PDB file of N, CA and C in Angstrom:
ATOM      1  N   MET A   1     -17.532 -39.806 -36.454  1.00  0.00           N
ATOM      2  CA  MET A   1     -17.089 -40.289 -35.163  1.00  0.00           C
ATOM      3  C   MET A   1     -16.113 -41.582 -35.572  1.00  0.00           C
ATOM      4  N   LYS A   2     -17.443 -42.185 -35.231  1.00  0.00           N
ATOM      5  CA  LYS A   2     -17.522 -43.903 -34.875  1.00  0.00           C
ATOM      6  C   LYS A   2     -17.141 -44.243 -36.312  1.00  0.00           C
ATOM      7  N   ALA A   3     -16.787 -44.010 -37.833  1.00  0.00           N
ATOM      8  CA  ALA A   3     -16.284 -44.727 -38.296  1.00  0.00           C
ATOM      9  C   ALA A   3     -14.668 -44.321 -38.393  1.00  0.00           C
ATOM     10  N   TYR A   4     -14.281 -42.823 -37.487  1.00  0.00           N
ATOM     11  CA  TYR A   4     -12.917 -42.586 -38.016  1.00  0.00           C
ATOM     12  C   TYR A   4     -12.300 -43.642 -37.257  1.00  0.00           C
ATOM     13  N   TYR A   5     -12.188 -43.571 -35.782  1.00  0.00           N
ATOM     14  CA  TYR A   5     -12.153 -45.015 -34.578  1.00  0.00           C
ATOM     15  C   TYR A   5     -12.367 -46.377 -34.938  1.00  0.00           C
ATOM     16  N   GLN A   6     -13.152 -46.336 -36.045  1.00  0.00           N
ATOM     17  CA  GLN A   6     -13.229 -48.068 -35.385  1.00  0.00           C
ATOM     18  C   GLN A   6     -12.563 -48.776 -35.916  1.00  0.00           C
ATOM     19  N   ASN A   7     -11.708 -48.824 -36.786  1.00  0.00           N
ATOM     20  CA  ASN A   7      -9.821 -49.503 -37.494  1.00  0.00           C
ATOM     21  C   ASN A   7      -8.886 -49.707 -36.185  1.00  0.00           C
ATOM     22  N   THR A   8      -9.013 -48.749 -34.950  1.00  0.00           N
ATOM     23  CA  THR A   8      -7.922 -48.884 -34.069  1.00  0.00           C
ATOM     24  C   THR A   8      -8.927 -49.336 -32.542  1.00  0.00           C
ATOM     25  N   TRP A   9     -10.225 -48.598 -32.033  1.00  0.00           N
ATOM     26  CA  TRP A   9     -10.926 -48.394 -31.685  1.00  0.00           C
ATOM     27  C   TRP A   9     -12.072 -49.716 -31.633  1.00  0.00           C
ATOM     28  N   GLU A  10     -12.563 -50.212 -30.895  1.00  0.00           N
ATOM     29  CA  GLU A  10     -14.025 -50.559 -30.176  1.00  0.00           C
ATOM     30  C   GLU A  10     -15.185 -50.516 -29.527  1.00  0.00           C
ATOM     31  N   THR A  11     -16.151 -50.094 -29.805  1.00  0.00           N
ATOM     32  CA  THR A  11     -17.127 -49.675 -28.887  1.00  0.00           C
ATOM     33  C   THR A  11     -17.304 -50.271 -27.951  1.00  0.00           C
ATOM     34  N   ARG A  12     -17.494 -49.432 -27.511  1.00  0.00           N
ATOM     35  CA  ARG A  12     -17.893 -49.968 -25.839  1.00  0.00           C
ATOM     36  C   ARG A  12     -19.579 -49.736 -25.528  1.00  0.00           C
ATOM     37  N   GLY A  13     -19.780 -49.255 -26.716  1.00  0.00           N
ATOM     38  CA  GLY A  13     -21.466 -48.383 -25.701  1.00  0.00           C
ATOM     39  C   GLY A  13     -21.658 -46.827 -25.677  1.00  0.00           C
ATOM     40  N   ASP A  14     -22.572 -46.225 -25.830  1.00  0.00           N
ATOM     41  CA  ASP A  14     -22.440 -45.300 -25.784  1.00  0.00           C
ATOM     42  C   ASP A  14     -24.723 -44.824 -24.907  1.00  0.00           C
ATOM     43  N   GLN A  15     -24.568 -43.891 -23.907  1.00  0.00           N
ATOM     44  CA  GLN A  15     -25.171 -43.988 -23.200  1.00  0.00           C
ATOM     45  C   GLN A  15     -25.491 -42.170 -23.306  1.00  0.00           C
ATOM     46  N   PRO A  16     -27.359 -41.714 -23.033  1.00  0.00           N
ATOM     47  CA  PRO A  16     -27.755 -40.202 -22.868  1.00  0.00           C
ATOM     48  C   PRO A  16     -26.626 -39.389 -22.484  1.00  0.00           C
ATOM     49  N   TYR A  17     -26.640 -38.191 -22.543  1.00  0.00           N
ATOM     50  CA  TYR A  17     -26.038 -37.132 -21.500  1.00  0.00           C
ATOM     51  C   TYR A  17     -26.789 -36.309 -21.238  1.00  0.00           C
ATOM     52  N   GLY A  18     -27.654 -36.030 -20.370  1.00  0.00           N
ATOM     53  CA  GLY A  18     -28.310 -34.837 -20.189  1.00  0.00           C
ATOM     54  C   GLY A  18     -29.442 -35.077 -21.894  1.00  0.00           C
ATOM     55  N   ASN A  19     -29.846 -33.755 -21.534  1.00  0.00           N
ATOM     56  CA  ASN A  19     -31.061 -33.528 -22.262  1.00  0.00           C
ATOM     57  C   ASN A  19     -31.024 -33.886 -23.697  1.00  0.00           C
ATOM     58  N   ASN A  20     -29.619 -33.306 -24.191  1.00  0.00           N
ATOM     59  CA  ASN A  20     -29.498 -33.155 -26.053  1.00  0.00           C
ATOM     60  C   ASN A  20     -28.020 -33.408 -26.048  1.00  0.00           C
ATOM     61  N   GLY A  21     -27.545 -34.401 -24.664  1.00  0.00           N
ATOM     62  CA  GLY A  21     -25.706 -35.231 -25.323  1.00  0.00           C
ATOM     63  C   GLY A  21     -25.910 -37.185 -25.527  1.00  0.00           C
ATOM     64  N   ILE A  22     -24.728 -37.185 -25.919  1.00  0.00           N
ATOM     65  CA  ILE A  22     -24.546 -38.429 -25.520  1.00  0.00           C
ATOM     66  C   ILE A  22     -22.974 -38.639 -25.329  1.00  0.00           C
ATOM     67  N   PHE A  23     -22.661 -39.853 -24.045  1.00  0.00           N
ATOM     68  CA  PHE A  23     -21.566 -40.012 -23.715  1.00  0.00           C
ATOM     69  C   PHE A  23     -21.189 -41.375 -24.984  1.00  0.00           C
ATOM     70  N   ILE A  24     -19.647 -41.332 -25.468  1.00  0.00           N
ATOM     71  CA  ILE A  24     -19.502 -42.571 -26.699  1.00  0.00           C
ATOM     72  C   ILE A  24     -18.763 -43.287 -25.357  1.00  0.00           C
ATOM     73  N   LYS A  25     -17.907 -44.268 -25.451  1.00  0.00           N
ATOM     74  CA  LYS A  25     -16.880 -45.158 -25.117  1.00  0.00           C
ATOM     75  C   LYS A  25     -16.432 -46.178 -26.057  1.00  0.00           C
ATOM     76  N   TYR A  26     -14.925 -46.047 -26.274  1.00  0.00           N
ATOM     77  CA  TYR A  26     -13.887 -46.794 -26.676  1.00  0.00           C
ATOM     78  C   TYR A  26     -12.888 -48.220 -25.944  1.00  0.00           C
ATOM     79  N   ARG A  27     -12.431 -48.849 -26.455  1.00  0.00           N
ATOM     80  CA  ARG A  27     -11.537 -49.705 -25.845  1.00  0.00           C
ATOM     81  C   ARG A  27     -10.607 -49.886 -27.616  1.00  0.00           C
ATOM     82  N   HIS A  28      -8.882 -49.725 -26.608  1.00  0.00           N
ATOM     83  CA  HIS A  28      -8.438 -49.222 -27.489  1.00  0.00           C
ATOM     84  C   HIS A  28      -8.162 -51.521 -28.046  1.00  0.00           C
ATOM     85  N   LYS A  29      -8.322 -51.758 -29.353  1.00  0.00           N
ATOM     86  CA  LYS A  29      -8.322 -53.185 -29.860  1.00  0.00           C
ATOM     87  C   LYS A  29      -7.043 -53.569 -29.340  1.00  0.00           C
ATOM     88  N   ASP A  30      -6.170 -53.327 -29.469  1.00  0.00           N
ATOM     89  CA  ASP A  30      -4.206 -53.523 -29.240  1.00  0.00           C
ATOM     90  C   ASP A  30      -4.189 -53.591 -27.599  1.00  0.00           C
ATOM     91  N   ASP A  31      -4.582 -52.777 -27.175  1.00  0.00           N
ATOM     92  CA  ASP A  31      -4.395 -52.273 -25.722  1.00  0.00           C
ATOM     93  C   ASP A  31      -5.112 -51.969 -24.931  1.00  0.00           C
ATOM     94  N   PRO A  32      -6.349 -52.823 -24.299  1.00  0.00           N
ATOM     95  CA  PRO A  32      -7.074 -53.147 -24.001  1.00  0.00           C
ATOM     96  C   PRO A  32      -7.901 -52.598 -22.149  1.00  0.00           C
ATOM     97  N   PHE A  33      -6.604 -52.044 -21.883  1.00  0.00           N
ATOM     98  CA  PHE A  33      -6.580 -51.366 -21.005  1.00  0.00           C
ATOM     99  C   PHE A  33      -6.561 -49.733 -21.209  1.00  0.00           C
ATOM    100  N   ILE A  34      -6.163 -49.373 -22.379  1.00  0.00           N
ATOM    101  CA  ILE A  34      -5.967 -47.745 -23.246  1.00  0.00           C
ATOM    102  C   ILE A  34      -7.889 -47.654 -23.313  1.00  0.00           C
ATOM    103  N   LEU A  35      -8.313 -46.877 -22.700  1.00  0.00           N
ATOM    104  CA  LEU A  35      -9.388 -46.033 -22.973  1.00  0.00           C
ATOM    105  C   LEU A  35     -10.279 -45.201 -23.475  1.00  0.00           C
ATOM    106  N   LEU A  36     -11.330 -43.967 -24.317  1.00  0.00           N
ATOM    107  CA  LEU A  36     -11.370 -43.270 -24.712  1.00  0.00           C
ATOM    108  C   LEU A  36     -13.231 -43.000 -24.449  1.00  0.00           C
ATOM    109  N   ASP A  37     -13.122 -41.629 -23.879  1.00  0.00           N
ATOM    110  CA  ASP A  37     -14.656 -41.354 -24.204  1.00  0.00           C
ATOM    111  C   ASP A  37     -14.825 -40.377 -24.498  1.00  0.00           C
ATOM    112  N   PHE A  38     -15.768 -40.000 -25.267  1.00  0.00           N
ATOM    113  CA  PHE A  38     -16.361 -38.477 -25.611  1.00  0.00           C
ATOM    114  C   PHE A  38     -17.610 -38.075 -24.963  1.00  0.00           C
ATOM    115  N   VAL A  39     -17.969 -36.866 -24.161  1.00  0.00           N
ATOM    116  CA  VAL A  39     -18.812 -36.304 -24.519  1.00  0.00           C
ATOM    117  C   VAL A  39     -18.913 -35.279 -25.965  1.00  0.00           C
ATOM    118  N   VAL A  40     -20.224 -35.811 -26.327  1.00  0.00           N
ATOM    119  CA  VAL A  40     -20.883 -35.092 -27.597  1.00  0.00           C
ATOM    120  C   VAL A  40     -21.953 -34.647 -26.731  1.00  0.00           C
ATOM    121  N   ILE A  41     -22.464 -33.382 -27.054  1.00  0.00           N
ATOM    122  CA  ILE A  41     -23.433 -32.614 -27.389  1.00  0.00           C
ATOM    123  C   ILE A  41     -24.156 -31.262 -27.848  1.00  0.00           C
ATOM    124  N   ASP A  42     -25.230 -31.895 -28.737  1.00  0.00           N
ATOM    125  CA  ASP A  42     -25.254 -31.287 -30.001  1.00  0.00           C
ATOM    126  C   ASP A  42     -24.709 -30.987 -31.130  1.00  0.00           C
ATOM    127  N   ASP A  43     -23.798 -32.509 -30.951  1.00  0.00           N
ATOM    128  CA  ASP A  43     -23.771 -32.492 -32.175  1.00  0.00           C
ATOM    129  C   ASP A  43     -21.281 -31.812 -32.490  1.00  0.00           C
ATOM    130  N   VAL A  44     -21.810 -31.771 -30.978  1.00  0.00           N
ATOM    131  CA  VAL A  44     -20.013 -30.850 -31.252  1.00  0.00           C
ATOM    132  C   VAL A  44     -19.709 -31.581 -29.881  1.00  0.00           C
ATOM    133  N   CYS A  45     -18.288 -31.911 -29.594  1.00  0.00           N
ATOM    134  CA  CYS A  45     -17.241 -32.901 -28.751  1.00  0.00           C
ATOM    135  C   CYS A  45     -16.839 -31.561 -27.525  1.00  0.00           C
ATOM    136  N   VAL A  46     -17.550 -32.290 -26.326  1.00  0.00           N
ATOM    137  CA  VAL A  46     -17.178 -30.610 -25.473  1.00  0.00           C
ATOM    138  C   VAL A  46     -16.185 -31.554 -24.658  1.00  0.00           C
ATOM    139  N   ARG A  47     -16.065 -32.625 -24.355  1.00  0.00           N
ATOM    140  CA  ARG A  47     -14.909 -33.228 -23.849  1.00  0.00           C
ATOM    141  C   ARG A  47     -14.764 -34.737 -24.310  1.00  0.00           C
ATOM    142  N   ILE A  48     -13.083 -34.968 -24.209  1.00  0.00           N
ATOM    143  CA  ILE A  48     -12.334 -36.966 -24.291  1.00  0.00           C
ATOM    144  C   ILE A  48     -11.790 -36.554 -23.169  1.00  0.00           C
ATOM    145  N   THR A  49     -11.924 -37.732 -22.305  1.00  0.00           N
ATOM    146  CA  THR A  49     -11.439 -38.502 -22.101  1.00  0.00           C
ATOM    147  C   THR A  49     -10.233 -39.623 -22.243  1.00  0.00           C
ATOM    148  N   ARG A  50      -9.453 -40.163 -21.907  1.00  0.00           N
ATOM    149  CA  ARG A  50      -8.321 -40.803 -21.833  1.00  0.00           C
ATOM    150  C   ARG A  50      -7.781 -41.371 -21.114  1.00  0.00           C
ATOM    151  N   LEU A  51      -8.230 -42.435 -20.599  1.00  0.00           N
ATOM    152  CA  LEU A  51      -7.577 -43.555 -20.015  1.00  0.00           C
ATOM    153  C   LEU A  51      -6.139 -44.284 -19.969  1.00  0.00           C
ATOM    154  N   MET A  52      -5.632 -44.904 -19.267  1.00  0.00           N
ATOM    155  CA  MET A  52      -4.545 -45.631 -19.487  1.00  0.00           C
ATOM    156  C   MET A  52      -3.928 -46.534 -18.664  1.00  0.00           C
ATOM    157  N   PRO A  53      -2.908 -47.089 -18.256  1.00  0.00           N
ATOM    158  CA  PRO A  53      -2.166 -47.402 -16.917  1.00  0.00           C
ATOM    159  C   PRO A  53      -0.515 -46.463 -17.107  1.00  0.00           C
ATOM    160  N   LYS A  54      -0.974 -46.718 -15.325  1.00  0.00           N
ATOM    161  CA  LYS A  54      -0.022 -45.126 -14.934  1.00  0.00           C
ATOM    162  C   LYS A  54       1.210 -45.780 -15.800  1.00  0.00           C
ATOM    163  N   GLU A  55       1.587 -46.755 -16.014  1.00  0.00           N
ATOM    164  CA  GLU A  55       3.239 -46.791 -16.520  1.00  0.00           C
ATOM    165  C   GLU A  55       3.573 -45.940 -17.757  1.00  0.00           C
ATOM    166  N   MET A  56       1.978 -45.744 -18.224  1.00  0.00           N
ATOM    167  CA  MET A  56       2.298 -44.554 -19.083  1.00  0.00           C
ATOM    168  C   MET A  56       3.083 -43.362 -19.582  1.00  0.00           C
ATOM    169  N   LEU A  57       2.808 -43.803 -18.199  1.00  0.00           N
ATOM    170  CA  LEU A  57       2.867 -41.883 -17.825  1.00  0.00           C
ATOM    171  C   LEU A  57       4.166 -40.927 -17.950  1.00  0.00           C
ATOM    172  N   SER A  58       5.543 -41.132 -17.924  1.00  0.00           N
ATOM    173  CA  SER A  58       6.386 -40.547 -18.174  1.00  0.00           C
ATOM    174  C   SER A  58       6.705 -40.683 -19.964  1.00  0.00           C
ATOM    175  N   MET A  59       6.176 -41.104 -20.552  1.00  0.00           N
ATOM    176  CA  MET A  59       6.004 -41.851 -21.559  1.00  0.00           C
ATOM    177  C   MET A  59       5.071 -39.756 -21.912  1.00  0.00           C
ATOM    178  N   MET A  60       4.043 -40.020 -21.795  1.00  0.00           N
ATOM    179  CA  MET A  60       3.348 -39.426 -22.212  1.00  0.00           C
ATOM    180  C   MET A  60       3.654 -37.591 -21.987  1.00  0.00           C
ATOM    181  N   ILE A  61       4.428 -37.905 -21.211  1.00  0.00           N
ATOM    182  CA  ILE A  61       4.168 -35.778 -20.155  1.00  0.00           C
ATOM    183  C   ILE A  61       5.145 -35.805 -21.031  1.00  0.00           C
ATOM    184  N   SER A  62       6.366 -36.965 -21.711  1.00  0.00           N
ATOM    185  CA  SER A  62       6.695 -36.384 -22.357  1.00  0.00           C
ATOM    186  C   SER A  62       6.834 -36.097 -23.901  1.00  0.00           C
ATOM    187  N   THR A  63       5.633 -36.848 -23.943  1.00  0.00           N
ATOM    188  CA  THR A  63       4.785 -36.708 -25.529  1.00  0.00           C
ATOM    189  C   THR A  63       4.140 -35.503 -25.452  1.00  0.00           C
ATOM    190  N   LEU A  64       3.355 -35.351 -24.753  1.00  0.00           N
ATOM    191  CA  LEU A  64       2.582 -33.487 -23.865  1.00  0.00           C
ATOM    192  C   LEU A  64       4.312 -32.658 -23.692  1.00  0.00           C
ATOM    193  N   ASN A  65       4.950 -32.635 -23.790  1.00  0.00           N
ATOM    194  CA  ASN A  65       5.642 -31.346 -23.390  1.00  0.00           C
ATOM    195  C   ASN A  65       6.206 -31.070 -25.420  1.00  0.00           C
ATOM    196  N   GLU A  66       6.726 -31.531 -25.813  1.00  0.00           N
ATOM    197  CA  GLU A  66       6.911 -31.807 -27.401  1.00  0.00           C
ATOM    198  C   GLU A  66       6.052 -31.665 -27.227  1.00  0.00           C
ATOM    199  N   GLU A  67       4.998 -32.043 -27.833  1.00  0.00           N
ATOM    200  CA  GLU A  67       4.271 -31.088 -28.968  1.00  0.00           C
ATOM    201  C   GLU A  67       3.032 -29.786 -28.459  1.00  0.00           C
ATOM    202  N   ASN A  68       2.651 -29.736 -27.300  1.00  0.00           N
ATOM    203  CA  ASN A  68       2.168 -28.833 -26.241  1.00  0.00           C
ATOM    204  C   ASN A  68       3.025 -27.651 -25.739  1.00  0.00           C
ATOM    205  N   TYR A  69       2.378 -26.734 -25.239  1.00  0.00           N
ATOM    206  CA  TYR A  69       2.821 -25.450 -24.422  1.00  0.00           C
ATOM    207  C   TYR A  69       2.551 -26.234 -22.884  1.00  0.00           C
ATOM    208  N   ARG A  70       2.749 -26.234 -22.091  1.00  0.00           N
ATOM    209  CA  ARG A  70       2.643 -26.596 -20.976  1.00  0.00           C
ATOM    210  C   ARG A  70       2.551 -25.365 -19.834  1.00  0.00           C
ATOM    211  N   GLU A  71       1.137 -25.470 -19.568  1.00  0.00           N
ATOM    212  CA  GLU A  71       0.690 -24.088 -18.280  1.00  0.00           C
ATOM    213  C   GLU A  71       1.422 -24.296 -17.420  1.00  0.00           C
ATOM    214  N   ASN A  72       1.525 -25.390 -16.902  1.00  0.00           N
ATOM    215  CA  ASN A  72       1.546 -25.201 -15.136  1.00  0.00           C
ATOM    216  C   ASN A  72       1.958 -27.059 -15.292  1.00  0.00           C
ATOM    217  N   GLU A  73       1.769 -27.528 -13.429  1.00  0.00           N
ATOM    218  CA  GLU A  73       2.519 -29.168 -13.129  1.00  0.00           C
ATOM    219  C   GLU A  73       1.832 -30.366 -14.346  1.00  0.00           C
ATOM    220  N   ASN A  74       0.273 -29.809 -14.191  1.00  0.00           N
ATOM    221  CA  ASN A  74      -0.474 -30.944 -14.763  1.00  0.00           C
ATOM    222  C   ASN A  74      -1.734 -31.030 -15.637  1.00  0.00           C
ATOM    223  N   VAL A  75      -1.020 -28.974 -16.527  1.00  0.00           N
ATOM    224  CA  VAL A  75      -1.493 -29.041 -17.680  1.00  0.00           C
ATOM    225  C   VAL A  75      -0.823 -28.121 -19.033  1.00  0.00           C
ATOM    226  N   TRP A  76      -1.174 -28.147 -19.355  1.00  0.00           N
ATOM    227  CA  TRP A  76      -1.345 -28.196 -21.111  1.00  0.00           C
ATOM    228  C   TRP A  76      -1.893 -27.471 -21.820  1.00  0.00           C
ATOM    229  N   VAL A  77      -1.846 -26.693 -22.388  1.00  0.00           N
ATOM    230  CA  VAL A  77      -2.583 -26.210 -24.367  1.00  0.00           C
ATOM    231  C   VAL A  77      -1.853 -26.235 -25.325  1.00  0.00           C
ATOM    232  N   THR A  78      -2.314 -27.364 -26.088  1.00  0.00           N
ATOM    233  CA  THR A  78      -2.073 -27.547 -27.885  1.00  0.00           C
ATOM    234  C   THR A  78      -1.509 -26.232 -27.860  1.00  0.00           C
ATOM    235  N   LYS A  79      -0.089 -26.305 -29.558  1.00  0.00           N
ATOM    236  CA  LYS A  79       0.016 -24.940 -29.942  1.00  0.00           C
ATOM    237  C   LYS A  79      -0.560 -24.644 -30.538  1.00  0.00           C
ATOM    238  N   ASP A  80      -2.208 -24.404 -30.958  1.00  0.00           N
ATOM    239  CA  ASP A  80      -3.204 -24.310 -31.599  1.00  0.00           C
ATOM    240  C   ASP A  80      -4.038 -22.960 -30.976  1.00  0.00           C
ATOM    241  N   MET A  81      -4.129 -23.200 -29.776  1.00  0.00           N
ATOM    242  CA  MET A  81      -4.530 -22.531 -28.923  1.00  0.00           C
ATOM    243  C   MET A  81      -5.831 -23.557 -28.402  1.00  0.00           C
ATOM    244  N   LYS A  82      -6.472 -24.280 -29.051  1.00  0.00           N
ATOM    245  CA  LYS A  82      -7.333 -24.967 -29.331  1.00  0.00           C
ATOM    246  C   LYS A  82      -8.108 -25.404 -27.970  1.00  0.00           C
ATOM    247  N   THR A  83      -6.951 -26.399 -27.564  1.00  0.00           N
ATOM    248  CA  THR A  83      -7.136 -27.620 -26.770  1.00  0.00           C
ATOM    249  C   THR A  83      -6.336 -27.306 -25.392  1.00  0.00           C
ATOM    250  N   LYS A  84      -7.372 -27.881 -23.675  1.00  0.00           N
ATOM    251  CA  LYS A  84      -6.682 -27.898 -22.413  1.00  0.00           C
ATOM    252  C   LYS A  84      -5.848 -29.279 -22.525  1.00  0.00           C
ATOM    253  N   ILE A  85      -5.010 -29.343 -21.987  1.00  0.00           N
ATOM    254  CA  ILE A  85      -4.973 -30.933 -21.701  1.00  0.00           C
ATOM    255  C   ILE A  85      -4.459 -31.071 -19.971  1.00  0.00           C
ATOM    256  N   THR A  86      -5.913 -32.059 -19.458  1.00  0.00           N
ATOM    257  CA  THR A  86      -5.447 -31.985 -18.083  1.00  0.00           C
ATOM    258  C   THR A  86      -5.069 -33.569 -17.883  1.00  0.00           C
ATOM    259  N   ALA A  87      -3.758 -33.850 -17.044  1.00  0.00           N
ATOM    260  CA  ALA A  87      -2.822 -34.950 -16.571  1.00  0.00           C
ATOM    261  C   ALA A  87      -3.399 -34.671 -15.326  1.00  0.00           C
ATOM    262  N   LYS A  88      -3.734 -36.573 -14.554  1.00  0.00           N
ATOM    263  CA  LYS A  88      -4.014 -36.551 -13.124  1.00  0.00           C
ATOM    264  C   LYS A  88      -3.819 -38.154 -12.712  1.00  0.00           C
ATOM    265  N   VAL A  89      -3.635 -38.683 -11.881  1.00  0.00           N
ATOM    266  CA  VAL A  89      -3.509 -40.487 -11.431  1.00  0.00           C
ATOM    267  C   VAL A  89      -4.796 -40.571 -10.764  1.00  0.00           C
ATOM    268  N   GLU A  90      -5.335 -41.533 -11.366  1.00  0.00           N
ATOM    269  CA  GLU A  90      -6.060 -41.767 -10.540  1.00  0.00           C
ATOM    270  C   GLU A  90      -6.290 -43.132  -9.312  1.00  0.00           C
ATOM    271  N   LYS A  91      -6.677 -43.504  -8.634  1.00  0.00           N
ATOM    272  CA  LYS A  91      -6.522 -44.326  -7.748  1.00  0.00           C
ATOM    273  C   LYS A  91      -5.409 -45.141  -7.931  1.00  0.00           C
ATOM    274  N   ASP A  92      -4.064 -44.591  -7.852  1.00  0.00           N
ATOM    275  CA  ASP A  92      -2.594 -44.896  -8.187  1.00  0.00           C
ATOM    276  C   ASP A  92      -2.726 -46.078  -9.199  1.00  0.00           C
ATOM    277  N   LYS A  93      -3.531 -45.881  -9.983  1.00  0.00           N
ATOM    278  CA  LYS A  93      -3.361 -47.304 -11.369  1.00  0.00           C
ATOM    279  C   LYS A  93      -3.273 -46.539 -12.657  1.00  0.00           C
ATOM    280  N   PHE A  94      -4.355 -45.530 -12.795  1.00  0.00           N
ATOM    281  CA  PHE A  94      -4.778 -45.157 -14.476  1.00  0.00           C
ATOM    282  C   PHE A  94      -4.291 -43.441 -14.155  1.00  0.00           C
ATOM    283  N   LEU A  95      -3.830 -43.179 -15.585  1.00  0.00           N
ATOM    284  CA  LEU A  95      -3.270 -41.801 -16.247  1.00  0.00           C
ATOM    285  C   LEU A  95      -4.837 -41.931 -16.830  1.00  0.00           C
ATOM    286  N   VAL A  96      -5.153 -40.626 -15.938  1.00  0.00           N
ATOM    287  CA  VAL A  96      -6.215 -39.525 -17.151  1.00  0.00           C
ATOM    288  C   VAL A  96      -6.014 -38.613 -17.225  1.00  0.00           C
ATOM    289  N   LEU A  97      -5.706 -38.613 -18.730  1.00  0.00           N
ATOM    290  CA  LEU A  97      -6.466 -36.967 -19.584  1.00  0.00           C
ATOM    291  C   LEU A  97      -7.121 -36.696 -20.124  1.00  0.00           C
ATOM    292  N   ILE A  98      -7.849 -34.971 -19.398  1.00  0.00           N
ATOM    293  CA  ILE A  98      -8.652 -34.799 -20.005  1.00  0.00           C
ATOM    294  C   ILE A  98      -8.661 -33.774 -21.286  1.00  0.00           C
ATOM    295  N   TYR A  99      -9.237 -33.546 -22.184  1.00  0.00           N
ATOM    296  CA  TYR A  99      -8.592 -32.504 -23.280  1.00  0.00           C
ATOM    297  C   TYR A  99     -10.140 -31.978 -23.597  1.00  0.00           C
ATOM    298  N   ASP A 100     -10.243 -30.579 -22.963  1.00  0.00           N
ATOM    299  CA  ASP A 100     -11.281 -30.105 -23.136  1.00  0.00           C
ATOM    300  C   ASP A 100     -10.909 -28.610 -24.403  1.00  0.00           C
ATOM    301  N   PRO A 101     -12.419 -28.665 -24.589  1.00  0.00           N
ATOM    302  CA  PRO A 101     -11.818 -27.371 -25.735  1.00  0.00           C
ATOM    303  C   PRO A 101     -11.636 -26.221 -25.354  1.00  0.00           C
ATOM    304  N   ILE A 102     -10.826 -25.015 -25.363  1.00  0.00           N
ATOM    305  CA  ILE A 102     -10.665 -23.335 -24.484  1.00  0.00           C
ATOM    306  C   ILE A 102     -12.157 -22.557 -25.723  1.00  0.00           C
ATOM    307  N   LEU A 103     -12.917 -22.240 -25.042  1.00  0.00           N
ATOM    308  CA  LEU A 103     -13.687 -21.283 -25.944  1.00  0.00           C
ATOM    309  C   LEU A 103     -13.538 -20.051 -26.205  1.00  0.00           C
TER     310      LEU A 103
END
């Protein structure tokens, strides 16, 4: 995973997550306000969290609507039906996108 993201993203470190997991953090090289966090358990990515400035909200909503099925106001499902994407605004500053696999 690190080899794939190293061109555009720089690592912010990683830390243990539970007994057999790891929490890996990245920051975008061109825009340090865009963060990507992975939760990996037993070598399987179980959650991706993407944080970005709230100003990107309308652009990201448009992109999500074009590329995915809208389930309700803040939830989309990818067209391959493998991932649920939840969007929320935190602290009235950050757009948070949470990617969860559909099991």
